[in-house]
Structures are given as structure tokens and as C-alpha cells.
Amino acid sequence: MPQKKTTYESKIEQLPSNKIYINVNKMEKGDYELNIINQNKLIKKTTFKKK
């Protein structure tokens, strides 16, 4: 029997256009690096750790 694909959808309020939110709840523990790029140029590079 073929496996059925599950699709989840949710509606959220419109977020402010000048803020970016990163939800790390589903990320595994460890060190991460965030790169912000505009037109293939690195603008900002930062690291963070999820405990």
C-alpha cells in the first residue's frame, strides 16, 4: 500500500517587515552559524549555541 503524504498548514499573523524571527525549538542542540547574505554578498556572520 503506498504511503500517504502528510501536509501541514498554519496561518500566522503578518509579521513586521523589518524583523526576522528564527524559531530554534525544533533544532538539535549544538553550535550554529548564521550567515545573512544580500545579492550574493555576506552582510553579517554570527554564531549561537542551542543548549
N, C-alpha and C. Protein backbone atom coordinates (compact mmCIF):
# COMPACT_ATOMS: atom_id res chain seq x y z
N MET A 1 0.84 -1.18 0.00
CA MET A 1 0.00 0.00 0.00
C MET A 1 0.89 1.25 0.00
N PRO A 2 0.67 2.21 -0.92
CA PRO A 2 1.51 3.41 -0.97
C PRO A 2 1.34 4.26 0.29
N GLN A 3 2.45 4.89 0.65
CA GLN A 3 2.44 5.72 1.85
C GLN A 3 1.83 7.08 1.52
N LYS A 4 0.92 7.56 2.37
CA LYS A 4 0.23 8.82 2.14
C LYS A 4 1.10 9.98 2.62
N LYS A 5 1.23 11.02 1.78
CA LYS A 5 2.00 12.21 2.15
C LYS A 5 1.14 13.07 3.07
N THR A 6 1.77 13.60 4.11
CA THR A 6 1.07 14.47 5.05
C THR A 6 1.56 15.89 4.86
N THR A 7 0.62 16.80 4.72
CA THR A 7 0.94 18.21 4.57
C THR A 7 0.30 18.98 5.72
N TYR A 8 1.09 19.83 6.34
CA TYR A 8 0.60 20.65 7.44
C TYR A 8 0.59 22.10 7.01
N GLU A 9 -0.44 22.81 7.37
CA GLU A 9 -0.53 24.23 7.07
C GLU A 9 -0.93 24.97 8.34
N SER A 10 -0.45 26.18 8.46
CA SER A 10 -0.87 27.02 9.58
C SER A 10 -0.91 28.47 9.11
N LYS A 11 -1.73 29.24 9.76
CA LYS A 11 -1.84 30.65 9.43
C LYS A 11 -1.34 31.43 10.64
N ILE A 12 -0.49 32.40 10.37
CA ILE A 12 0.02 33.26 11.44
C ILE A 12 -0.28 34.70 11.09
N GLU A 13 -0.26 35.53 12.11
CA GLU A 13 -0.44 36.94 11.86
C GLU A 13 0.73 37.45 11.04
N GLN A 14 0.49 38.47 10.29
CA GLN A 14 1.56 39.05 9.48
C GLN A 14 2.63 39.64 10.38
N LEU A 15 3.86 39.24 10.16
CA LEU A 15 4.97 39.73 10.96
C LEU A 15 5.45 41.07 10.43
N PRO A 16 6.02 41.89 11.29
CA PRO A 16 6.57 43.18 10.80
C PRO A 16 7.62 42.93 9.72
N SER A 17 7.64 43.78 8.73
CA SER A 17 8.51 43.56 7.58
C SER A 17 9.98 43.80 7.89
N ASN A 18 10.30 44.46 8.99
CA ASN A 18 11.69 44.75 9.26
C ASN A 18 12.29 43.87 10.37
N LYS A 19 11.60 42.78 10.72
CA LYS A 19 12.12 41.86 11.72
C LYS A 19 12.10 40.44 11.17
N ILE A 20 13.12 39.66 11.53
CA ILE A 20 13.18 38.25 11.13
C ILE A 20 13.23 37.43 12.40
N TYR A 21 12.36 36.43 12.49
CA TYR A 21 12.30 35.56 13.65
C TYR A 21 12.81 34.18 13.27
N ILE A 22 13.66 33.61 14.11
CA ILE A 22 14.16 32.26 13.90
C ILE A 22 13.72 31.42 15.10
N ASN A 23 12.89 30.42 14.84
CA ASN A 23 12.40 29.56 15.90
C ASN A 23 13.34 28.35 16.00
N VAL A 24 14.05 28.22 17.10
CA VAL A 24 15.04 27.16 17.25
C VAL A 24 14.51 25.97 18.04
N ASN A 25 13.21 25.93 18.31
CA ASN A 25 12.64 24.83 19.09
C ASN A 25 12.91 23.47 18.48
N LYS A 26 12.83 23.33 17.18
CA LYS A 26 13.00 22.03 16.52
C LYS A 26 14.46 21.71 16.19
N MET A 27 15.36 22.64 16.40
CA MET A 27 16.77 22.41 16.09
C MET A 27 17.40 21.53 17.16
N GLU A 28 18.37 20.74 16.75
CA GLU A 28 19.11 19.91 17.70
C GLU A 28 20.06 20.78 18.51
N LYS A 29 20.47 20.30 19.66
CA LYS A 29 21.42 21.03 20.48
C LYS A 29 22.76 21.10 19.76
N GLY A 30 23.45 22.22 19.92
CA GLY A 30 24.76 22.35 19.30
C GLY A 30 25.06 23.78 18.90
N ASP A 31 26.17 23.94 18.20
CA ASP A 31 26.61 25.25 17.72
C ASP A 31 26.10 25.48 16.31
N TYR A 32 25.67 26.69 16.03
CA TYR A 32 25.15 27.05 14.72
C TYR A 32 25.81 28.33 14.23
N GLU A 33 25.85 28.49 12.93
CA GLU A 33 26.38 29.69 12.30
C GLU A 33 25.28 30.26 11.41
N LEU A 34 25.01 31.55 11.56
CA LEU A 34 24.00 32.23 10.76
C LEU A 34 24.71 33.22 9.83
N ASN A 35 24.45 33.08 8.53
CA ASN A 35 25.02 33.98 7.52
C ASN A 35 23.88 34.76 6.88
N ILE A 36 23.99 36.07 6.89
CA ILE A 36 23.00 36.93 6.24
C ILE A 36 23.63 37.45 4.95
N ILE A 37 22.96 37.15 3.84
CA ILE A 37 23.52 37.44 2.52
C ILE A 37 22.56 38.33 1.75
N ASN A 38 23.09 39.31 1.02
CA ASN A 38 22.32 40.15 0.12
C ASN A 38 23.05 40.21 -1.21
N GLN A 39 22.37 39.82 -2.27
CA GLN A 39 22.93 39.81 -3.62
C GLN A 39 24.28 39.09 -3.64
N ASN A 40 24.30 37.90 -3.08
CA ASN A 40 25.48 37.02 -3.04
C ASN A 40 26.66 37.60 -2.28
N LYS A 41 26.44 38.60 -1.44
CA LYS A 41 27.50 39.18 -0.62
C LYS A 41 27.14 39.00 0.84
N LEU A 42 28.10 38.55 1.63
CA LEU A 42 27.90 38.33 3.06
C LEU A 42 27.81 39.67 3.77
N ILE A 43 26.69 39.89 4.46
CA ILE A 43 26.48 41.13 5.20
C ILE A 43 26.88 40.94 6.66
N LYS A 44 26.42 39.85 7.26
CA LYS A 44 26.66 39.61 8.68
C LYS A 44 26.80 38.12 8.93
N LYS A 45 27.76 37.75 9.76
CA LYS A 45 28.01 36.37 10.12
C LYS A 45 28.01 36.30 11.65
N THR A 46 27.20 35.44 12.22
CA THR A 46 27.14 35.31 13.67
C THR A 46 26.97 33.84 14.05
N THR A 47 27.33 33.51 15.26
CA THR A 47 27.18 32.14 15.74
C THR A 47 26.35 32.14 17.00
N PHE A 48 25.68 31.02 17.27
CA PHE A 48 24.94 30.86 18.50
C PHE A 48 24.92 29.39 18.88
N LYS A 49 24.63 29.14 20.14
CA LYS A 49 24.61 27.78 20.66
C LYS A 49 23.24 27.49 21.25
N LYS A 50 22.66 26.36 20.86
CA LYS A 50 21.43 25.91 21.48
C LYS A 50 21.79 24.91 22.55
N LYS A 51 21.37 25.15 23.76
CA LYS A 51 21.71 24.27 24.88
C LYS A 51 20.65 23.24 25.11
